[in-house]
Amino acid sequence: MSVLDILHSGELYLPLDPAITVEQTKCMELLYDYNSSRPSETGKRMTLLQQMLAEIGEESYIEPPFHANWGGAHLHLGRNVWANFNLTLVDDTHIYIGDYTMIGPNVVIATAGHPVLPQLRKEGYQYNQPVRIGRNCWLGAGAIILPGVTIGDNTVIGAGSVVTRDMPSNVVATGNPCRVLRPINERDQLYYFRHQRIPTELLRE
């Protein structure tokens, strides 16, 4: 197994291996260019995202500034994914985000962890676990998604939540640690915020 392959194996490794840092630096150079682009340079931004990310579907976009220690090289975006300011990825292994998912400002998605055992941490060991976020999810502002987590389709993660374990589909979940608050229900088909009703013309199958 090569040094770069071990990033995706779940095994312990030393992230400052020269073979890793050389490749990581190349990714960070592209990220620097992306964050230095002007708001009017939409074509340049899309070209850079296509170079930077593992996959990006149609109509997907990340609002700068974007922070990622592999420059998004292990990020897989579906179609119509939109991420607001200050998305931060610890993308040492793969992050999968499904179609139509929305990501609020200051969200953190981390795939990397370190052993609890002090002597291993002192030596700098790390391991990585992938994160999977389903279709049509909404991650509220400041949410933190930890390594190895899977979030099901249509699920809403409340602002400021810390997601330490898998979340099912079709629920609203919030808190630290994040827990299921309730299922998405019939009331959600009538009201979009507190007592404000969804216009009838917007309701369709």
C-alpha atoms as a PDB file:
ATOM      1  CA  MET A   1       0.000   0.000   0.000  1.00  0.00           C
ATOM      2  CA  SER A   2       1.392   3.397  -0.988  1.00  0.00           C
ATOM      3  CA  VAL A   3       1.582   6.307   1.443  1.00  0.00           C
ATOM      4  CA  LEU A   4      -1.237   8.050  -0.435  1.00  0.00           C
ATOM      5  CA  ASP A   5      -3.427   4.937  -0.439  1.00  0.00           C
ATOM      6  CA  ILE A   6      -3.230   4.731   3.346  1.00  0.00           C
ATOM      7  CA  LEU A   7      -5.141   8.021   3.588  1.00  0.00           C
ATOM      8  CA  HIS A   8      -8.278   6.111   2.599  1.00  0.00           C
ATOM      9  CA  SER A   9      -7.642   2.856   4.493  1.00  0.00           C
ATOM     10  CA  GLY A  10      -8.699   3.904   7.993  1.00  0.00           C
ATOM     11  CA  GLU A  11      -5.288   2.856   9.295  1.00  0.00           C
ATOM     12  CA  LEU A  12      -2.909   4.966  11.361  1.00  0.00           C
ATOM     13  CA  TYR A  13      -0.288   6.937   9.436  1.00  0.00           C
ATOM     14  CA  LEU A  14       2.005   9.944   9.731  1.00  0.00           C
ATOM     15  CA  PRO A  15       0.525  12.885   7.773  1.00  0.00           C
ATOM     16  CA  LEU A  16       3.832  14.765   7.473  1.00  0.00           C
ATOM     17  CA  ASP A  17       5.352  12.098   5.222  1.00  0.00           C
ATOM     18  CA  PRO A  18       7.066  14.012   2.359  1.00  0.00           C
ATOM     19  CA  ALA A  19       5.136  12.072  -0.288  1.00  0.00           C
ATOM     20  CA  ILE A  20       1.912  13.332   1.273  1.00  0.00           C
ATOM     21  CA  THR A  21       2.951  16.940   1.768  1.00  0.00           C
ATOM     22  CA  VAL A  22       4.121  17.303  -1.847  1.00  0.00           C
ATOM     23  CA  GLU A  23       0.696  16.295  -3.177  1.00  0.00           C
ATOM     24  CA  GLN A  24      -1.134  18.269  -0.518  1.00  0.00           C
ATOM     25  CA  THR A  25       0.765  21.438  -1.408  1.00  0.00           C
ATOM     26  CA  LYS A  26      -0.310  21.133  -5.061  1.00  0.00           C
ATOM     27  CA  CYS A  27      -3.938  21.009  -3.929  1.00  0.00           C
ATOM     28  CA  MET A  28      -3.506  23.978  -1.626  1.00  0.00           C
ATOM     29  CA  GLU A  29      -2.084  26.080  -4.468  1.00  0.00           C
ATOM     30  CA  LEU A  30      -5.338  25.652  -6.407  1.00  0.00           C
ATOM     31  CA  LEU A  31      -7.354  26.481  -3.298  1.00  0.00           C
ATOM     32  CA  TYR A  32      -5.329  29.679  -2.882  1.00  0.00           C
ATOM     33  CA  ASP A  33      -6.181  30.671  -6.453  1.00  0.00           C
ATOM     34  CA  TYR A  34      -9.868  29.964  -5.825  1.00  0.00           C
ATOM     35  CA  ASN A  35     -10.040  32.089  -2.703  1.00  0.00           C
ATOM     36  CA  SER A  36      -8.138  34.892  -4.458  1.00  0.00           C
ATOM     37  CA  SER A  37     -10.619  35.078  -7.341  1.00  0.00           C
ATOM     38  CA  ARG A  38     -12.921  38.063  -7.769  1.00  0.00           C
ATOM     39  CA  PRO A  39     -16.733  37.789  -7.427  1.00  0.00           C
ATOM     40  CA  SER A  40     -17.100  38.598 -11.141  1.00  0.00           C
ATOM     41  CA  GLU A  41     -14.815  35.701 -12.150  1.00  0.00           C
ATOM     42  CA  THR A  42     -17.503  33.032 -12.050  1.00  0.00           C
ATOM     43  CA  GLY A  43     -16.072  31.140 -15.023  1.00  0.00           C
ATOM     44  CA  LYS A  44     -12.649  31.005 -13.411  1.00  0.00           C
ATOM     45  CA  ARG A  45     -14.166  29.768 -10.161  1.00  0.00           C
ATOM     46  CA  MET A  46     -16.047  26.950 -11.870  1.00  0.00           C
ATOM     47  CA  THR A  47     -12.952  25.894 -13.788  1.00  0.00           C
ATOM     48  CA  LEU A  48     -10.944  25.803 -10.574  1.00  0.00           C
ATOM     49  CA  LEU A  49     -13.619  23.798  -8.732  1.00  0.00           C
ATOM     50  CA  GLN A  50     -13.560  21.220 -11.526  1.00  0.00           C
ATOM     51  CA  GLN A  51      -9.780  20.956 -11.106  1.00  0.00           C
ATOM     52  CA  MET A  52      -9.827  20.963  -7.310  1.00  0.00           C
ATOM     53  CA  LEU A  53     -12.632  18.576  -6.394  1.00  0.00           C
ATOM     54  CA  ALA A  54     -12.879  14.826  -6.845  1.00  0.00           C
ATOM     55  CA  GLU A  55     -16.336  15.328  -8.411  1.00  0.00           C
ATOM     56  CA  ILE A  56     -18.691  18.254  -8.913  1.00  0.00           C
ATOM     57  CA  GLY A  57     -22.160  18.000 -10.411  1.00  0.00           C
ATOM     58  CA  GLU A  58     -23.975  20.597 -12.480  1.00  0.00           C
ATOM     59  CA  GLU A  59     -25.009  23.847 -10.774  1.00  0.00           C
ATOM     60  CA  SER A  60     -22.976  23.132  -7.628  1.00  0.00           C
ATOM     61  CA  TYR A  61     -20.981  25.922  -6.020  1.00  0.00           C
ATOM     62  CA  ILE A  62     -18.890  26.773  -2.944  1.00  0.00           C
ATOM     63  CA  GLU A  63     -18.835  30.409  -1.844  1.00  0.00           C
ATOM     64  CA  PRO A  64     -15.326  31.652  -0.992  1.00  0.00           C
ATOM     65  CA  PRO A  65     -13.601  31.692   1.360  1.00  0.00           C
ATOM     66  CA  PHE A  66     -13.358  27.911   1.288  1.00  0.00           C
ATOM     67  CA  HIS A  67     -10.944  26.090   3.589  1.00  0.00           C
ATOM     68  CA  ALA A  68      -9.758  22.516   3.057  1.00  0.00           C
ATOM     69  CA  ASN A  69      -6.481  20.892   3.970  1.00  0.00           C
ATOM     70  CA  TRP A  70      -6.510  18.908   0.698  1.00  0.00           C
ATOM     71  CA  GLY A  71      -8.129  21.739  -1.256  1.00  0.00           C
ATOM     72  CA  GLY A  72     -11.280  19.664  -1.785  1.00  0.00           C
ATOM     73  CA  ALA A  73      -9.384  16.904  -3.602  1.00  0.00           C
ATOM     74  CA  HIS A  74     -11.428  14.229  -1.808  1.00  0.00           C
ATOM     75  CA  LEU A  75     -14.786  16.055  -1.982  1.00  0.00           C
ATOM     76  CA  HIS A  76     -17.541  14.540  -4.120  1.00  0.00           C
ATOM     77  CA  LEU A  77     -20.445  16.940  -4.796  1.00  0.00           C
ATOM     78  CA  GLY A  78     -23.663  15.928  -6.482  1.00  0.00           C
ATOM     79  CA  ARG A  79     -25.831  18.289  -8.552  1.00  0.00           C
ATOM     80  CA  ASN A  80     -27.205  21.589  -7.226  1.00  0.00           C
ATOM     81  CA  VAL A  81     -25.177  21.548  -4.019  1.00  0.00           C
ATOM     82  CA  TRP A  82     -24.629  25.004  -2.551  1.00  0.00           C
ATOM     83  CA  ALA A  83     -22.213  25.840   0.274  1.00  0.00           C
ATOM     84  CA  ASN A  84     -22.095  29.224   1.978  1.00  0.00           C
ATOM     85  CA  PHE A  85     -19.081  31.183   3.277  1.00  0.00           C
ATOM     86  CA  ASN A  86     -16.326  29.518   5.313  1.00  0.00           C
ATOM     87  CA  LEU A  87     -17.003  25.868   4.555  1.00  0.00           C
ATOM     88  CA  THR A  88     -14.132  24.080   6.291  1.00  0.00           C
ATOM     89  CA  LEU A  89     -13.165  20.542   5.287  1.00  0.00           C
ATOM     90  CA  VAL A  90     -10.655  18.297   6.954  1.00  0.00           C
ATOM     91  CA  ASP A  91     -10.718  16.302   3.748  1.00  0.00           C
ATOM     92  CA  ASP A  92      -7.925  13.789   4.280  1.00  0.00           C
ATOM     93  CA  THR A  93     -10.250  11.121   2.912  1.00  0.00           C
ATOM     94  CA  HIS A  94     -13.496  11.141   0.962  1.00  0.00           C
ATOM     95  CA  ILE A  95     -16.532  13.331   1.680  1.00  0.00           C
ATOM     96  CA  TYR A  96     -19.687  12.566  -0.330  1.00  0.00           C
ATOM     97  CA  ILE A  97     -22.514  15.133  -0.526  1.00  0.00           C
ATOM     98  CA  GLY A  98     -25.714  14.327  -2.398  1.00  0.00           C
ATOM     99  CA  ASP A  99     -27.755  16.361  -4.889  1.00  0.00           C
ATOM    100  CA  TYR A 100     -29.616  19.501  -3.733  1.00  0.00           C
ATOM    101  CA  THR A 101     -27.943  19.657  -0.326  1.00  0.00           C
ATOM    102  CA  MET A 102     -27.496  23.112   1.214  1.00  0.00           C
ATOM    103  CA  ILE A 103     -24.648  23.976   3.576  1.00  0.00           C
ATOM    104  CA  GLY A 104     -24.852  27.035   5.817  1.00  0.00           C
ATOM    105  CA  PRO A 105     -21.976  29.373   6.716  1.00  0.00           C
ATOM    106  CA  ASN A 106     -19.124  28.172   8.944  1.00  0.00           C
ATOM    107  CA  VAL A 107     -19.893  24.463   8.615  1.00  0.00           C
ATOM    108  CA  VAL A 108     -17.045  22.049   9.421  1.00  0.00           C
ATOM    109  CA  ILE A 109     -16.845  18.540   7.960  1.00  0.00           C
ATOM    110  CA  ALA A 110     -13.921  16.532   9.344  1.00  0.00           C
ATOM    111  CA  THR A 111     -12.677  13.116   8.240  1.00  0.00           C
ATOM    112  CA  ALA A 112      -9.436  13.018  10.264  1.00  0.00           C
ATOM    113  CA  GLY A 113      -8.934  11.864  13.836  1.00  0.00           C
ATOM    114  CA  HIS A 114      -6.091  11.129  16.217  1.00  0.00           C
ATOM    115  CA  PRO A 115      -5.638   8.298  18.724  1.00  0.00           C
ATOM    116  CA  VAL A 116      -6.668   8.910  22.331  1.00  0.00           C
ATOM    117  CA  LEU A 117      -3.466   7.156  23.461  1.00  0.00           C
ATOM    118  CA  PRO A 118      -1.069  10.021  24.359  1.00  0.00           C
ATOM    119  CA  GLN A 119       2.168   8.517  23.035  1.00  0.00           C
ATOM    120  CA  LEU A 120       0.660   7.935  19.585  1.00  0.00           C
ATOM    121  CA  ARG A 121      -0.649  11.490  19.438  1.00  0.00           C
ATOM    122  CA  LYS A 122       2.746  12.772  20.521  1.00  0.00           C
ATOM    123  CA  GLU A 123       4.279  10.989  17.529  1.00  0.00           C
ATOM    124  CA  GLY A 124       1.704  12.641  15.246  1.00  0.00           C
ATOM    125  CA  TYR A 125      -0.336   9.630  14.138  1.00  0.00           C
ATOM    126  CA  GLN A 126      -3.640  10.188  12.347  1.00  0.00           C
ATOM    127  CA  TYR A 127      -6.431   8.102  10.838  1.00  0.00           C
ATOM    128  CA  ASN A 128      -9.251   9.056   8.461  1.00  0.00           C
ATOM    129  CA  GLN A 129     -12.875   7.949   8.097  1.00  0.00           C
ATOM    130  CA  PRO A 130     -15.159   9.058   5.239  1.00  0.00           C
ATOM    131  CA  VAL A 131     -18.256  11.228   5.691  1.00  0.00           C
ATOM    132  CA  ARG A 132     -21.447  10.703   3.671  1.00  0.00           C
ATOM    133  CA  ILE A 133     -24.240  13.274   3.487  1.00  0.00           C
ATOM    134  CA  GLY A 134     -27.383  12.359   1.591  1.00  0.00           C
ATOM    135  CA  ARG A 135     -29.551  14.103  -0.989  1.00  0.00           C
ATOM    136  CA  ASN A 136     -31.529  17.256  -0.238  1.00  0.00           C
ATOM    137  CA  CYS A 137     -30.100  17.798   3.246  1.00  0.00           C
ATOM    138  CA  TRP A 138     -29.649  21.125   5.010  1.00  0.00           C
ATOM    139  CA  LEU A 139     -26.691  21.650   7.326  1.00  0.00           C
ATOM    140  CA  GLY A 140     -27.369  24.733   9.444  1.00  0.00           C
ATOM    141  CA  ALA A 141     -24.814  27.442  10.170  1.00  0.00           C
ATOM    142  CA  GLY A 142     -21.886  26.333  12.298  1.00  0.00           C
ATOM    143  CA  ALA A 143     -22.727  22.617  12.246  1.00  0.00           C
ATOM    144  CA  ILE A 144     -19.790  20.249  12.785  1.00  0.00           C
ATOM    145  CA  ILE A 145     -19.789  16.796  11.178  1.00  0.00           C
ATOM    146  CA  LEU A 146     -17.234  14.386  12.649  1.00  0.00           C
ATOM    147  CA  PRO A 147     -15.302  11.503  11.006  1.00  0.00           C
ATOM    148  CA  GLY A 148     -17.196   8.431   9.867  1.00  0.00           C
ATOM    149  CA  VAL A 149     -20.671  10.010  10.064  1.00  0.00           C
ATOM    150  CA  THR A 150     -23.453   9.269   7.566  1.00  0.00           C
ATOM    151  CA  ILE A 151     -26.483  11.584   7.293  1.00  0.00           C
ATOM    152  CA  GLY A 152     -29.560  10.284   5.492  1.00  0.00           C
ATOM    153  CA  ASP A 153     -31.551  11.946   2.699  1.00  0.00           C
ATOM    154  CA  ASN A 154     -33.712  15.034   3.390  1.00  0.00           C
ATOM    155  CA  THR A 155     -32.392  15.467   6.934  1.00  0.00           C
ATOM    156  CA  VAL A 156     -31.975  18.916   8.520  1.00  0.00           C
ATOM    157  CA  ILE A 157     -29.073  19.416  10.937  1.00  0.00           C
ATOM    158  CA  GLY A 158     -29.709  22.394  13.215  1.00  0.00           C
ATOM    159  CA  ALA A 159     -27.328  25.323  13.463  1.00  0.00           C
ATOM    160  CA  GLY A 160     -24.412  24.758  15.825  1.00  0.00           C
ATOM    161  CA  SER A 161     -24.961  21.001  16.109  1.00  0.00           C
ATOM    162  CA  VAL A 162     -22.069  18.588  16.608  1.00  0.00           C
ATOM    163  CA  VAL A 163     -22.829  15.378  14.720  1.00  0.00           C
ATOM    164  CA  THR A 164     -20.903  12.534  16.323  1.00  0.00           C
ATOM    165  CA  ARG A 165     -22.916   9.590  14.962  1.00  0.00           C
ATOM    166  CA  ASP A 166     -25.083   8.602  12.008  1.00  0.00           C
ATOM    167  CA  MET A 167     -28.393  10.399  11.443  1.00  0.00           C
ATOM    168  CA  PRO A 168     -31.355   8.767   9.651  1.00  0.00           C
ATOM    169  CA  SER A 169     -33.234  10.163   6.675  1.00  0.00           C
ATOM    170  CA  ASN A 170     -36.217  12.526   6.926  1.00  0.00           C
ATOM    171  CA  VAL A 171     -35.600  14.000  10.382  1.00  0.00           C
ATOM    172  CA  VAL A 172     -34.715  17.280  12.054  1.00  0.00           C
ATOM    173  CA  ALA A 173     -31.720  16.749  14.341  1.00  0.00           C
ATOM    174  CA  THR A 174     -29.941  19.225  16.595  1.00  0.00           C
ATOM    175  CA  GLY A 175     -27.731  19.663  19.639  1.00  0.00           C
ATOM    176  CA  ASN A 176     -24.315  18.742  21.025  1.00  0.00           C
ATOM    177  CA  PRO A 177     -24.092  15.857  20.627  1.00  0.00           C
ATOM    178  CA  CYS A 178     -26.621  15.963  17.806  1.00  0.00           C
ATOM    179  CA  ARG A 179     -29.806  13.951  18.398  1.00  0.00           C
ATOM    180  CA  VAL A 180     -32.984  13.431  16.416  1.00  0.00           C
ATOM    181  CA  LEU A 181     -35.488  16.089  17.478  1.00  0.00           C
ATOM    182  CA  ARG A 182     -38.414  14.913  15.370  1.00  0.00           C
ATOM    183  CA  PRO A 183     -39.353  13.443  12.009  1.00  0.00           C
ATOM    184  CA  ILE A 184     -40.195  15.706   9.102  1.00  0.00           C
ATOM    185  CA  ASN A 185     -43.979  15.675   9.375  1.00  0.00           C
ATOM    186  CA  GLU A 186     -47.334  16.910   8.048  1.00  0.00           C
ATOM    187  CA  ARG A 187     -46.940  20.323   9.661  1.00  0.00           C
ATOM    188  CA  ASP A 188     -43.812  20.883   7.572  1.00  0.00           C
ATOM    189  CA  GLN A 189     -46.038  20.562   4.510  1.00  0.00           C
ATOM    190  CA  LEU A 190     -48.009  23.613   5.683  1.00  0.00           C
ATOM    191  CA  TYR A 191     -45.535  25.937   7.427  1.00  0.00           C
ATOM    192  CA  TYR A 192     -42.006  26.949   6.430  1.00  0.00           C
ATOM    193  CA  PHE A 193     -41.196  29.029   9.549  1.00  0.00           C
ATOM    194  CA  ARG A 194     -43.135  29.063  12.811  1.00  0.00           C
ATOM    195  CA  HIS A 195     -46.672  30.134  11.795  1.00  0.00           C
ATOM    196  CA  GLN A 196     -45.841  31.305   8.277  1.00  0.00           C
ATOM    197  CA  ARG A 197     -47.687  29.191   5.744  1.00  0.00           C
ATOM    198  CA  ILE A 198     -46.217  27.840   2.540  1.00  0.00           C
ATOM    199  CA  PRO A 199     -48.000  29.457  -0.450  1.00  0.00           C
ATOM    200  CA  THR A 200     -50.328  26.936  -2.062  1.00  0.00           C
ATOM    201  CA  GLU A 201     -48.740  27.430  -5.503  1.00  0.00           C
ATOM    202  CA  LEU A 202     -45.405  26.215  -4.121  1.00  0.00           C
ATOM    203  CA  LEU A 203     -46.840  22.902  -2.988  1.00  0.00           C
ATOM    204  CA  ARG A 204     -46.426  20.203  -5.585  1.00  0.00           C
ATOM    205  CA  GLU A 205     -45.490  16.572  -5.738  1.00  0.00           C
END
